[in-house]
Protein backbone atom coordinates (compact mmCIF):
# COMPACT_ATOMS: atom_id res chain seq x y z
CA MET A 1 7.22 -9.30 -26.99
CA ALA A 2 8.94 -11.15 -24.14
CA SER A 3 8.18 -10.25 -20.54
CA VAL A 4 10.30 -10.46 -17.41
CA SER A 5 9.44 -10.62 -13.73
CA LYS A 6 12.45 -10.46 -11.46
CA ILE A 7 13.23 -9.30 -7.94
CA ILE A 8 16.56 -8.86 -6.17
CA ILE A 9 16.77 -8.41 -2.40
CA ILE A 10 19.63 -8.16 0.08
CA GLY A 11 18.80 -8.73 3.72
CA ASN A 12 19.28 -10.80 6.84
CA VAL A 13 17.89 -14.31 7.17
CA GLY A 14 15.11 -14.26 9.77
CA ARG A 15 14.90 -17.97 10.52
CA ASP A 16 16.84 -21.11 9.74
CA PRO A 17 15.76 -22.77 6.49
CA GLU A 18 13.30 -25.64 6.53
CA LEU A 19 13.85 -28.38 3.94
CA ARG A 20 10.95 -30.63 3.00
CA MET A 21 9.92 -32.81 0.09
CA THR A 22 6.88 -32.31 -2.10
CA PRO A 23 4.58 -35.35 -2.56
CA ASN A 24 6.42 -36.17 -5.81
CA GLY A 25 9.82 -36.09 -4.07
CA ARG A 26 11.07 -32.64 -5.14
CA PRO A 27 13.04 -30.80 -2.41
CA VAL A 28 11.87 -27.32 -1.38
CA CYS A 29 13.60 -25.13 1.18
CA GLU A 30 11.91 -22.11 2.77
CA PHE A 31 13.30 -19.28 4.88
CA SER A 32 12.53 -15.63 5.56
CA VAL A 33 14.58 -12.53 4.78
CA ALA A 34 14.26 -9.13 6.46
CA VAL A 35 15.03 -6.11 4.26
CA ASN A 36 15.45 -2.85 6.19
CA ARG A 37 14.86 0.56 4.70
CA VAL A 38 15.11 4.02 6.18
CA THR A 39 12.38 6.54 5.50
CA GLY A 40 12.19 10.16 6.46
CA ARG A 41 12.56 13.66 5.20
CA SER A 42 15.71 14.85 3.47
CA ASP A 43 15.50 18.15 5.37
CA GLY A 44 16.55 16.49 8.62
CA GLY A 45 13.11 15.40 9.81
CA ASP A 46 12.43 12.23 11.72
CA ARG A 47 13.91 9.16 10.09
CA GLN A 48 12.38 5.78 10.68
CA GLU A 49 13.58 2.30 9.88
CA GLN A 50 11.04 -0.09 8.39
CA THR A 51 11.43 -3.80 7.77
CA ASP A 52 9.86 -5.75 4.91
CA TRP A 53 9.75 -9.52 5.36
CA TYR A 54 10.01 -11.85 2.37
CA ARG A 55 9.27 -15.56 2.32
CA VAL A 56 11.82 -17.27 0.05
CA SER A 57 11.40 -20.71 -1.53
CA CYS A 58 14.25 -22.58 -3.23
CA TRP A 59 13.65 -25.72 -5.28
CA SER A 60 15.59 -28.89 -6.21
CA GLN A 61 19.40 -28.54 -6.04
CA LEU A 62 19.14 -24.90 -4.96
CA ALA A 63 17.00 -26.05 -2.01
CA GLU A 64 19.65 -28.53 -0.89
CA ARG A 65 22.37 -25.89 -1.18
CA ALA A 66 20.26 -23.39 0.81
CA GLN A 67 19.74 -25.95 3.60
CA GLN A 68 23.52 -26.40 3.89
CA MET A 69 24.62 -22.74 3.66
CA ILE A 70 21.91 -20.49 5.08
CA THR A 71 21.47 -19.82 8.79
CA LYS A 72 19.53 -17.27 10.78
CA GLY A 73 21.13 -13.81 10.90
CA ARG A 74 23.39 -14.15 7.85
CA LEU A 75 23.37 -11.55 5.08
CA VAL A 76 22.04 -12.98 1.81
CA PHE A 77 21.44 -11.83 -1.77
CA VAL A 78 18.37 -13.45 -3.35
CA GLU A 79 17.28 -13.23 -6.98
CA GLY A 80 14.03 -14.71 -8.21
CA ARG A 81 10.39 -14.26 -9.16
CA PHE A 82 8.14 -12.18 -6.87
CA THR A 83 4.55 -13.16 -6.09
CA PRO A 84 2.48 -11.25 -3.54
CA ARG A 85 -0.09 -13.53 -1.89
CA THR A 86 -2.99 -12.79 0.45
CA TYR A 87 -4.07 -15.11 3.23
CA THR A 88 -6.28 -15.05 6.32
CA ASP A 89 -4.48 -15.32 9.66
CA ARG A 90 -5.70 -17.19 12.77
CA GLU A 91 -7.57 -14.10 13.97
CA GLY A 92 -9.50 -13.82 10.70
CA LYS A 93 -7.56 -10.80 9.38
CA GLU A 94 -6.52 -10.68 5.75
CA ARG A 95 -2.72 -10.41 5.42
CA LEU A 96 -0.21 -9.99 2.60
CA SER A 97 2.74 -12.34 2.13
CA LEU A 98 5.69 -11.26 -0.05
CA ASP A 99 6.82 -14.53 -1.64
CA ILE A 100 9.92 -15.08 -3.75
CA SER A 101 10.64 -18.21 -5.75
CA ALA A 102 14.44 -18.04 -5.84
CA ASN A 103 16.47 -18.65 -8.98
CA ASP A 104 19.76 -18.06 -7.13
CA PHE A 105 21.20 -16.78 -3.87
CA GLN A 106 24.63 -15.71 -2.62
CA MET A 107 25.89 -15.37 0.92
CA LEU A 108 27.34 -11.88 1.42
CA ASP A 109 28.99 -12.26 4.81
CA PRO A 110 31.89 -14.51 5.78
CA ARG A 111 31.04 -18.04 6.83
CA PRO A 112 30.68 -18.19 10.63
CA ASP A 113 33.27 -20.98 10.97
CA ARG A 114 35.84 -18.95 9.01
CA ALA A 115 35.03 -15.68 10.79
CA ALA A 116 35.80 -17.38 14.12
CA MET A 117 39.20 -18.46 12.77
CA GLY A 118 39.97 -14.99 11.44
CA ASP A 119 39.29 -16.20 7.87
CA THR A 120 42.85 -17.49 7.54
CA ALA A 121 41.86 -19.76 4.66
CA GLN A 122 40.92 -16.75 2.55
CA ALA A 123 43.64 -14.34 3.71
CA ALA A 124 46.18 -13.17 1.18
CA PRO A 125 49.80 -14.00 2.00
CA ARG A 126 51.67 -11.14 3.62
CA ALA A 127 55.32 -10.23 3.43
CA ALA A 128 57.29 -10.94 6.59
CA GLU A 129 57.87 -7.95 8.81
CA GLY A 130 60.87 -5.95 7.58
CA GLU A 131 60.83 -7.72 4.19
CA LYS A 132 60.71 -5.41 1.17
CA PHE A 133 58.45 -5.89 -1.83
CA ASP A 134 60.28 -6.58 -5.10
CA PRO A 135 58.05 -5.99 -8.17
CA ASP A 136 60.44 -8.05 -10.36
CA GLU A 137 59.35 -11.20 -8.48
CA ILE A 138 55.80 -11.00 -9.79
CA PRO A 139 55.40 -13.87 -12.31
CA PHE A 140 53.37 -11.88 -14.86
């Protein structure tokens, strides 16, 4: 029987990506993603927001694309393989790292350069003011 290990997260990028090369010349790009969740009682009790931090690694061509597109604060969809990892911090405490080896990612917010311009490159053409819509002019 085949097995599958897959995780999908949507969150905000916590730091700009860092691109580096492995000793054999393979590009790897790493960045962090914050995923917020609200917890609390459904009966109107105290609700609290919690944040889970994920460390995302992209490899090869995906790493180069991530370096070009991803910046701190942007909303991103990440799909990949999840691996929890324990490590010891500088103070000697054992910590848990939530690592994702990404298979793909998608930016979910408008590009900052287009948002500043009002996203005119993506805007649908509008009819001039006072002009009426004629359904017979649709080519299909």
